[in-house]
Amino acid sequence: MSIAQESLTAIEDILADMSSEQANRVPDLPGANSPYAIGTHCLGMVEYWGGSVIAGLRIPRDRDGEFHATGDPQVLCENIARLRQRFAEWAAIGVREGARDRSAVGTARSETARTASATWMLLHVLRELSQHLGQLEITRDILTHNEHDPAST
């Protein structure tokens, strides 16, 4: 299993253990995101770099909306599970061919999408998934601690 798939599996596992209320709650911290939003952002980021730029699939993305997304964590888990299956194919395209569609929209790094190698893009996906998995773990821990700590309510 690839590192990206391991990270996606871990994200999926965390979200699968949460109720809708837990997954959609935002910790009381400046700039924090809900677990659902973090998972949605990871999904959008991988679909953008892997699916749209590398594989040329033109998957629509609302990057800003990802950070405010709400919904059923089980549905998000199903989408992440499908993404895990597709990402290996996209990574193989990147290694064999490079990026198929450098004009895809949906990133804060438009110039990088036009110029970076597919290897850079795949490493970027790994870095971002690792970073956001850690963010999700901490967010889960904060929310879980607050649920069990009467002093925090």
N, C-alpha and C. Protein backbone atom coordinates (compact mmCIF):
# COMPACT_ATOMS: atom_id res chain seq x y z
N MET A 1 0.85 -1.18 0.00
CA MET A 1 0.00 0.00 0.00
C MET A 1 0.90 1.24 0.00
N SER A 2 0.54 2.21 -0.79
CA SER A 2 1.34 3.43 -0.88
C SER A 2 1.15 4.30 0.36
N ILE A 3 2.06 5.22 0.56
CA ILE A 3 1.96 6.15 1.69
C ILE A 3 0.69 6.97 1.57
N ALA A 4 0.36 7.39 0.36
CA ALA A 4 -0.88 8.18 0.17
C ALA A 4 -2.10 7.34 0.56
N GLN A 5 -2.13 6.09 0.14
CA GLN A 5 -3.26 5.23 0.49
C GLN A 5 -3.33 4.97 2.00
N GLU A 6 -2.17 4.84 2.64
CA GLU A 6 -2.16 4.67 4.10
C GLU A 6 -2.74 5.90 4.79
N SER A 7 -2.35 7.08 4.32
CA SER A 7 -2.88 8.32 4.91
C SER A 7 -4.38 8.44 4.67
N LEU A 8 -4.82 8.14 3.46
CA LEU A 8 -6.26 8.21 3.15
C LEU A 8 -7.04 7.20 3.99
N THR A 9 -6.48 6.01 4.18
CA THR A 9 -7.13 5.01 5.02
C THR A 9 -7.25 5.51 6.46
N ALA A 10 -6.20 6.12 6.96
CA ALA A 10 -6.23 6.64 8.33
C ALA A 10 -7.26 7.76 8.47
N ILE A 11 -7.34 8.63 7.48
CA ILE A 11 -8.34 9.71 7.49
C ILE A 11 -9.74 9.10 7.48
N GLU A 12 -9.93 8.13 6.62
CA GLU A 12 -11.22 7.44 6.54
C GLU A 12 -11.57 6.76 7.87
N ASP A 13 -10.62 6.10 8.49
CA ASP A 13 -10.86 5.41 9.76
C ASP A 13 -11.29 6.39 10.86
N ILE A 14 -10.63 7.54 10.93
CA ILE A 14 -10.99 8.54 11.94
C ILE A 14 -12.41 9.03 11.71
N LEU A 15 -12.73 9.38 10.48
CA LEU A 15 -14.07 9.90 10.17
C LEU A 15 -15.14 8.83 10.37
N ALA A 16 -14.82 7.58 10.08
CA ALA A 16 -15.80 6.49 10.22
C ALA A 16 -16.21 6.28 11.67
N ASP A 17 -15.34 6.64 12.60
CA ASP A 17 -15.63 6.48 14.02
C ASP A 17 -16.40 7.66 14.61
N MET A 18 -16.74 8.64 13.78
CA MET A 18 -17.40 9.84 14.29
C MET A 18 -18.87 9.89 13.89
N SER A 19 -19.66 10.45 14.78
CA SER A 19 -21.05 10.76 14.44
C SER A 19 -21.05 12.00 13.55
N SER A 20 -22.17 12.28 12.92
CA SER A 20 -22.27 13.51 12.11
C SER A 20 -22.01 14.74 12.96
N GLU A 21 -22.53 14.73 14.18
CA GLU A 21 -22.33 15.89 15.06
C GLU A 21 -20.85 16.08 15.37
N GLN A 22 -20.15 15.03 15.68
CA GLN A 22 -18.72 15.13 15.97
C GLN A 22 -17.93 15.57 14.74
N ALA A 23 -18.20 14.96 13.61
CA ALA A 23 -17.45 15.24 12.40
C ALA A 23 -17.64 16.67 11.90
N ASN A 24 -18.78 17.25 12.20
CA ASN A 24 -19.08 18.60 11.70
C ASN A 24 -18.82 19.70 12.73
N ARG A 25 -18.33 19.33 13.91
CA ARG A 25 -18.03 20.32 14.95
C ARG A 25 -16.65 20.92 14.71
N VAL A 26 -16.55 22.23 14.92
CA VAL A 26 -15.28 22.95 14.78
C VAL A 26 -14.74 23.22 16.19
N PRO A 27 -13.49 22.84 16.47
CA PRO A 27 -12.92 23.15 17.77
C PRO A 27 -12.88 24.67 18.00
N ASP A 28 -12.94 25.05 19.24
CA ASP A 28 -12.92 26.47 19.60
C ASP A 28 -11.48 26.97 19.59
N LEU A 29 -10.93 27.05 18.40
CA LEU A 29 -9.57 27.53 18.18
C LEU A 29 -9.58 28.43 16.94
N PRO A 30 -8.79 29.50 16.94
CA PRO A 30 -8.76 30.38 15.77
C PRO A 30 -8.36 29.62 14.50
N GLY A 31 -9.14 29.77 13.46
CA GLY A 31 -8.83 29.16 12.17
C GLY A 31 -9.01 27.67 12.08
N ALA A 32 -9.62 27.06 13.09
CA ALA A 32 -9.79 25.60 13.10
C ALA A 32 -10.84 25.17 12.08
N ASN A 33 -10.74 23.91 11.69
CA ASN A 33 -11.69 23.30 10.78
C ASN A 33 -12.30 22.07 11.43
N SER A 34 -13.49 21.72 11.00
CA SER A 34 -14.11 20.49 11.48
C SER A 34 -13.41 19.28 10.86
N PRO A 35 -13.53 18.12 11.48
CA PRO A 35 -12.99 16.91 10.87
C PRO A 35 -13.56 16.68 9.46
N TYR A 36 -14.85 16.95 9.29
CA TYR A 36 -15.47 16.75 7.98
C TYR A 36 -14.82 17.66 6.94
N ALA A 37 -14.58 18.91 7.31
CA ALA A 37 -13.95 19.86 6.38
C ALA A 37 -12.53 19.43 6.04
N ILE A 38 -11.79 18.94 7.02
CA ILE A 38 -10.43 18.47 6.76
C ILE A 38 -10.46 17.31 5.77
N GLY A 39 -11.35 16.35 6.00
CA GLY A 39 -11.47 15.21 5.07
C GLY A 39 -11.89 15.65 3.69
N THR A 40 -12.82 16.60 3.62
CA THR A 40 -13.28 17.11 2.32
C THR A 40 -12.15 17.81 1.59
N HIS A 41 -11.36 18.58 2.33
CA HIS A 41 -10.21 19.26 1.72
C HIS A 41 -9.21 18.24 1.18
N CYS A 42 -8.94 17.19 1.93
CA CYS A 42 -8.01 16.16 1.46
C CYS A 42 -8.53 15.51 0.18
N LEU A 43 -9.80 15.21 0.16
CA LEU A 43 -10.42 14.62 -1.04
C LEU A 43 -10.26 15.57 -2.22
N GLY A 44 -10.60 16.84 -2.03
CA GLY A 44 -10.49 17.81 -3.11
C GLY A 44 -9.07 18.02 -3.59
N MET A 45 -8.13 18.06 -2.66
CA MET A 45 -6.73 18.26 -3.01
C MET A 45 -6.20 17.11 -3.85
N VAL A 46 -6.49 15.87 -3.44
CA VAL A 46 -6.00 14.71 -4.20
C VAL A 46 -6.70 14.63 -5.56
N GLU A 47 -7.99 14.90 -5.59
CA GLU A 47 -8.68 14.89 -6.88
C GLU A 47 -8.14 15.96 -7.81
N TYR A 48 -7.78 17.13 -7.26
CA TYR A 48 -7.23 18.19 -8.11
C TYR A 48 -5.88 17.78 -8.68
N TRP A 49 -4.90 17.52 -7.80
CA TRP A 49 -3.55 17.24 -8.29
C TRP A 49 -3.47 15.91 -9.03
N GLY A 50 -4.09 14.86 -8.48
CA GLY A 50 -4.01 13.55 -9.12
C GLY A 50 -4.97 13.38 -10.27
N GLY A 51 -6.24 13.72 -10.02
CA GLY A 51 -7.27 13.49 -11.04
C GLY A 51 -7.31 14.54 -12.13
N SER A 52 -7.29 15.79 -11.75
CA SER A 52 -7.41 16.85 -12.76
C SER A 52 -6.10 17.16 -13.45
N VAL A 53 -5.06 17.50 -12.69
CA VAL A 53 -3.81 17.93 -13.32
C VAL A 53 -3.06 16.74 -13.92
N ILE A 54 -2.83 15.70 -13.14
CA ILE A 54 -2.05 14.57 -13.65
C ILE A 54 -2.85 13.73 -14.63
N ALA A 55 -4.06 13.29 -14.26
CA ALA A 55 -4.82 12.38 -15.12
C ALA A 55 -5.67 13.11 -16.17
N GLY A 56 -5.84 14.43 -16.02
CA GLY A 56 -6.58 15.20 -17.02
C GLY A 56 -8.09 15.02 -16.97
N LEU A 57 -8.66 14.69 -15.81
CA LEU A 57 -10.08 14.37 -15.71
C LEU A 57 -11.00 15.56 -15.48
N ARG A 58 -10.46 16.72 -15.19
CA ARG A 58 -11.27 17.92 -14.96
C ARG A 58 -12.33 17.71 -13.89
N ILE A 59 -11.92 17.28 -12.72
CA ILE A 59 -12.83 17.07 -11.60
C ILE A 59 -13.12 18.44 -10.98
N PRO A 60 -14.38 18.85 -10.91
CA PRO A 60 -14.71 20.17 -10.35
C PRO A 60 -14.26 20.27 -8.90
N ARG A 61 -13.78 21.47 -8.53
CA ARG A 61 -13.32 21.68 -7.16
C ARG A 61 -13.69 23.08 -6.68
N ASP A 62 -14.20 23.14 -5.46
CA ASP A 62 -14.45 24.41 -4.77
C ASP A 62 -13.54 24.42 -3.55
N ARG A 63 -12.30 24.84 -3.75
CA ARG A 63 -11.29 24.78 -2.68
C ARG A 63 -11.74 25.55 -1.45
N ASP A 64 -12.23 26.77 -1.63
CA ASP A 64 -12.68 27.56 -0.48
C ASP A 64 -13.83 26.89 0.24
N GLY A 65 -14.75 26.29 -0.52
CA GLY A 65 -15.90 25.61 0.07
C GLY A 65 -15.53 24.38 0.87
N GLU A 66 -14.40 23.77 0.55
CA GLU A 66 -13.96 22.57 1.28
C GLU A 66 -13.81 22.85 2.77
N PHE A 67 -13.36 24.04 3.11
CA PHE A 67 -13.07 24.37 4.50
C PHE A 67 -14.33 24.67 5.31
N HIS A 68 -15.47 24.77 4.64
CA HIS A 68 -16.74 25.03 5.31
C HIS A 68 -17.74 23.90 5.08
N ALA A 69 -17.28 22.82 4.44
CA ALA A 69 -18.17 21.71 4.08
C ALA A 69 -18.71 21.03 5.33
N THR A 70 -19.95 20.58 5.23
CA THR A 70 -20.58 19.78 6.26
C THR A 70 -21.30 18.62 5.59
N GLY A 71 -21.57 17.57 6.35
CA GLY A 71 -22.29 16.44 5.78
C GLY A 71 -22.12 15.18 6.59
N ASP A 72 -22.52 14.10 6.00
CA ASP A 72 -22.49 12.78 6.62
C ASP A 72 -21.08 12.20 6.49
N PRO A 73 -20.41 11.93 7.61
CA PRO A 73 -19.05 11.40 7.51
C PRO A 73 -18.99 10.03 6.83
N GLN A 74 -20.06 9.26 6.89
CA GLN A 74 -20.04 7.94 6.24
C GLN A 74 -20.01 8.09 4.72
N VAL A 75 -20.72 9.08 4.20
CA VAL A 75 -20.68 9.34 2.75
C VAL A 75 -19.29 9.82 2.35
N LEU A 76 -18.70 10.68 3.16
CA LEU A 76 -17.34 11.15 2.88
C LEU A 76 -16.37 9.97 2.89
N CYS A 77 -16.54 9.05 3.82
CA CYS A 77 -15.69 7.86 3.87
C CYS A 77 -15.82 7.02 2.59
N GLU A 78 -17.02 6.89 2.09
CA GLU A 78 -17.23 6.17 0.83
C GLU A 78 -16.49 6.85 -0.32
N ASN A 79 -16.54 8.18 -0.34
CA ASN A 79 -15.83 8.93 -1.39
C ASN A 79 -14.32 8.78 -1.26
N ILE A 80 -13.82 8.78 -0.03
CA ILE A 80 -12.39 8.59 0.19
C ILE A 80 -11.97 7.18 -0.20
N ALA A 81 -12.80 6.19 0.09
CA ALA A 81 -12.49 4.80 -0.30
C ALA A 81 -12.37 4.69 -1.82
N ARG A 82 -13.29 5.33 -2.54
CA ARG A 82 -13.21 5.32 -4.02
C ARG A 82 -11.95 6.04 -4.50
N LEU A 83 -11.61 7.14 -3.83
CA LEU A 83 -10.42 7.90 -4.20
C LEU A 83 -9.16 7.05 -4.02
N ARG A 84 -9.08 6.29 -2.95
CA ARG A 84 -7.92 5.43 -2.73
C ARG A 84 -7.69 4.50 -3.91
N GLN A 85 -8.77 3.96 -4.46
CA GLN A 85 -8.66 3.05 -5.59
C GLN A 85 -8.17 3.77 -6.85
N ARG A 86 -8.62 4.99 -7.04
CA ARG A 86 -8.27 5.74 -8.25
C ARG A 86 -6.88 6.35 -8.19
N PHE A 87 -6.42 6.69 -6.99
CA PHE A 87 -5.16 7.42 -6.88
C PHE A 87 -3.98 6.63 -7.43
N ALA A 88 -3.94 5.33 -7.22
CA ALA A 88 -2.83 4.52 -7.73
C ALA A 88 -2.73 4.65 -9.26
N GLU A 89 -3.87 4.65 -9.93
CA GLU A 89 -3.88 4.81 -11.39
C GLU A 89 -3.35 6.20 -11.78
N TRP A 90 -3.80 7.21 -11.06
CA TRP A 90 -3.36 8.58 -11.36
C TRP A 90 -1.85 8.73 -11.13
N ALA A 91 -1.35 8.16 -10.05
CA ALA A 91 0.08 8.23 -9.77
C ALA A 91 0.87 7.54 -10.88
N ALA A 92 0.38 6.42 -11.37
CA ALA A 92 1.06 5.72 -12.46
C ALA A 92 1.10 6.57 -13.73
N ILE A 93 0.02 7.29 -14.00
CA ILE A 93 0.00 8.20 -15.15
C ILE A 93 1.07 9.27 -14.97
N GLY A 94 1.16 9.82 -13.76
CA GLY A 94 2.17 10.84 -13.49
C GLY A 94 3.58 10.34 -13.72
N VAL A 95 3.86 9.12 -13.29
CA VAL A 95 5.19 8.56 -13.46
C VAL A 95 5.48 8.28 -14.93
N ARG A 96 4.51 7.73 -15.65
CA ARG A 96 4.70 7.38 -17.07
C ARG A 96 4.69 8.59 -18.00
N GLU A 97 3.71 9.49 -17.79
CA GLU A 97 3.45 10.54 -18.78
C GLU A 97 3.71 11.96 -18.28
N GLY A 98 3.67 12.17 -16.99
CA GLY A 98 3.71 13.53 -16.47
C GLY A 98 2.29 14.04 -16.32
N ALA A 99 2.13 15.35 -16.32
CA ALA A 99 0.82 15.97 -16.11
C ALA A 99 0.11 16.15 -17.45
N ARG A 100 -1.15 15.73 -17.51
CA ARG A 100 -1.93 15.83 -18.73
C ARG A 100 -2.65 17.16 -18.89
N ASP A 101 -3.00 17.84 -17.78
CA ASP A 101 -3.79 19.07 -17.88
C ASP A 101 -3.29 20.13 -16.89
N ARG A 102 -2.37 20.92 -17.33
CA ARG A 102 -1.80 21.97 -16.48
C ARG A 102 -2.70 23.20 -16.37
N SER A 103 -3.80 23.22 -17.08
CA SER A 103 -4.71 24.37 -17.02
C SER A 103 -5.87 24.15 -16.05
N ALA A 104 -5.90 23.01 -15.36
CA ALA A 104 -6.99 22.71 -14.42
C ALA A 104 -7.05 23.80 -13.34
N VAL A 105 -8.27 24.15 -12.96
CA VAL A 105 -8.45 25.18 -11.93
C VAL A 105 -8.84 24.52 -10.61
N GLY A 106 -8.48 25.20 -9.50
CA GLY A 106 -8.87 24.68 -8.20
C GLY A 106 -7.75 24.65 -7.19
N THR A 107 -6.73 25.49 -7.37
CA THR A 107 -5.62 25.50 -6.41
C THR A 107 -5.19 26.92 -6.12
N ALA A 108 -4.53 27.10 -5.01
CA ALA A 108 -3.90 28.37 -4.69
C ALA A 108 -2.50 28.42 -5.32
N ARG A 109 -2.11 27.37 -6.01
CA ARG A 109 -0.78 27.25 -6.62
C ARG A 109 -0.88 27.11 -8.14
N SER A 110 -1.59 28.02 -8.78
CA SER A 110 -1.79 27.92 -10.24
C SER A 110 -0.49 27.92 -11.02
N GLU A 111 0.45 28.77 -10.64
CA GLU A 111 1.74 28.81 -11.34
C GLU A 111 2.48 27.49 -11.19
N THR A 112 2.44 26.91 -10.01
CA THR A 112 3.09 25.63 -9.78
C THR A 112 2.45 24.55 -10.63
N ALA A 113 1.13 24.57 -10.74
CA ALA A 113 0.43 23.57 -11.56
C ALA A 113 0.86 23.65 -13.02
N ARG A 114 1.21 24.84 -13.47
CA ARG A 114 1.63 25.02 -14.86
C ARG A 114 3.08 24.59 -15.10
N THR A 115 3.89 24.57 -14.04
CA THR A 115 5.33 24.36 -14.26
C THR A 115 5.94 23.16 -13.54
N ALA A 116 5.34 22.69 -12.47
CA ALA A 116 5.96 21.62 -11.67
C ALA A 116 5.93 20.27 -12.38
N SER A 117 6.87 19.45 -12.01
CA SER A 117 6.87 18.08 -12.54
C SER A 117 5.78 17.27 -11.85
N ALA A 118 5.39 16.19 -12.49
CA ALA A 118 4.41 15.29 -11.87
C ALA A 118 4.98 14.69 -10.58
N THR A 119 6.29 14.48 -10.53
CA THR A 119 6.91 13.98 -9.30
C THR A 119 6.69 14.97 -8.18
N TRP A 120 6.91 16.27 -8.44
CA TRP A 120 6.66 17.29 -7.42
C TRP A 120 5.20 17.22 -6.97
N MET A 121 4.28 17.08 -7.92
CA MET A 121 2.84 17.05 -7.59
C MET A 121 2.51 15.86 -6.69
N LEU A 122 3.06 14.70 -7.00
CA LEU A 122 2.80 13.51 -6.18
C LEU A 122 3.41 13.67 -4.78
N LEU A 123 4.59 14.24 -4.70
CA LEU A 123 5.19 14.50 -3.39
C LEU A 123 4.39 15.54 -2.62
N HIS A 124 3.85 16.51 -3.31
CA HIS A 124 3.00 17.53 -2.68
C HIS A 124 1.75 16.86 -2.08
N VAL A 125 1.15 15.95 -2.82
CA VAL A 125 -0.01 15.22 -2.31
C VAL A 125 0.36 14.47 -1.04
N LEU A 126 1.49 13.79 -1.04
CA LEU A 126 1.93 13.05 0.16
C LEU A 126 2.15 13.99 1.34
N ARG A 127 2.80 15.11 1.09
CA ARG A 127 3.06 16.07 2.18
C ARG A 127 1.75 16.60 2.74
N GLU A 128 0.84 17.00 1.87
CA GLU A 128 -0.43 17.57 2.31
C GLU A 128 -1.27 16.53 3.05
N LEU A 129 -1.31 15.31 2.55
CA LEU A 129 -2.07 14.27 3.26
C LEU A 129 -1.49 14.02 4.64
N SER A 130 -0.17 13.98 4.74
CA SER A 130 0.47 13.77 6.04
C SER A 130 0.15 14.91 6.99
N GLN A 131 0.26 16.13 6.49
CA GLN A 131 -0.02 17.31 7.32
C GLN A 131 -1.46 17.30 7.80
N HIS A 132 -2.40 17.04 6.89
CA HIS A 132 -3.80 17.10 7.26
C HIS A 132 -4.24 15.90 8.08
N LEU A 133 -3.58 14.76 7.92
CA LEU A 133 -3.86 13.62 8.81
C LEU A 133 -3.50 14.00 10.24
N GLY A 134 -2.35 14.63 10.43
CA GLY A 134 -1.97 15.09 11.77
C GLY A 134 -2.95 16.11 12.31
N GLN A 135 -3.38 17.03 11.46
CA GLN A 135 -4.38 18.02 11.86
C GLN A 135 -5.67 17.34 12.28
N LEU A 136 -6.09 16.34 11.52
CA LEU A 136 -7.31 15.61 11.83
C LEU A 136 -7.18 14.85 13.16
N GLU A 137 -6.03 14.24 13.39
CA GLU A 137 -5.81 13.52 14.65
C GLU A 137 -5.89 14.46 15.84
N ILE A 138 -5.26 15.61 15.73
CA ILE A 138 -5.31 16.58 16.82
C ILE A 138 -6.72 17.12 17.01
N THR A 139 -7.39 17.41 15.90
CA THR A 139 -8.76 17.92 15.98
C THR A 139 -9.67 16.90 16.66
N ARG A 140 -9.55 15.64 16.26
CA ARG A 140 -10.32 14.57 16.90
C ARG A 140 -10.03 14.51 18.39
N ASP A 141 -8.75 14.58 18.75
CA ASP A 141 -8.37 14.49 20.17
C ASP A 141 -8.94 15.66 20.96
N ILE A 142 -8.91 16.85 20.40
CA ILE A 142 -9.47 18.02 21.09
C ILE A 142 -10.97 17.85 21.27
N LEU A 143 -11.65 17.47 20.21
CA LEU A 143 -13.10 17.31 20.29
C LEU A 143 -13.49 16.18 21.25
N THR A 144 -12.76 15.09 21.22
CA THR A 144 -13.05 13.96 22.10
C THR A 144 -12.77 14.32 23.55
N HIS A 145 -11.68 15.01 23.79
CA HIS A 145 -11.34 15.44 25.15
C HIS A 145 -12.43 16.38 25.68
N ASN A 146 -12.86 17.30 24.85
CA ASN A 146 -13.89 18.26 25.28
C ASN A 146 -15.22 17.57 25.57
N GLU A 147 -15.52 16.47 24.89
CA GLU A 147 -16.75 15.74 25.16
C GLU A 147 -16.72 15.06 26.52
N HIS A 148 -15.53 14.68 26.98
CA HIS A 148 -15.40 13.93 28.22
C HIS A 148 -14.91 14.78 29.39
N ASP A 149 -14.66 16.06 29.15
CA ASP A 149 -14.17 16.94 30.21
C ASP A 149 -15.25 17.94 30.60
N PRO A 150 -15.91 17.71 31.76
CA PRO A 150 -17.00 18.61 32.17
C PRO A 150 -16.55 20.06 32.32
N ALA A 151 -15.29 20.30 32.62
CA ALA A 151 -14.79 21.67 32.79
C ALA A 151 -14.73 22.42 31.46
N SER A 152 -14.74 21.70 30.32
CA SER A 152 -14.61 22.37 29.03
C SER A 152 -15.97 22.76 28.44
N THR A 153 -17.05 22.40 29.08
CA THR A 153 -18.37 22.74 28.55
C THR A 153 -18.97 23.96 29.21
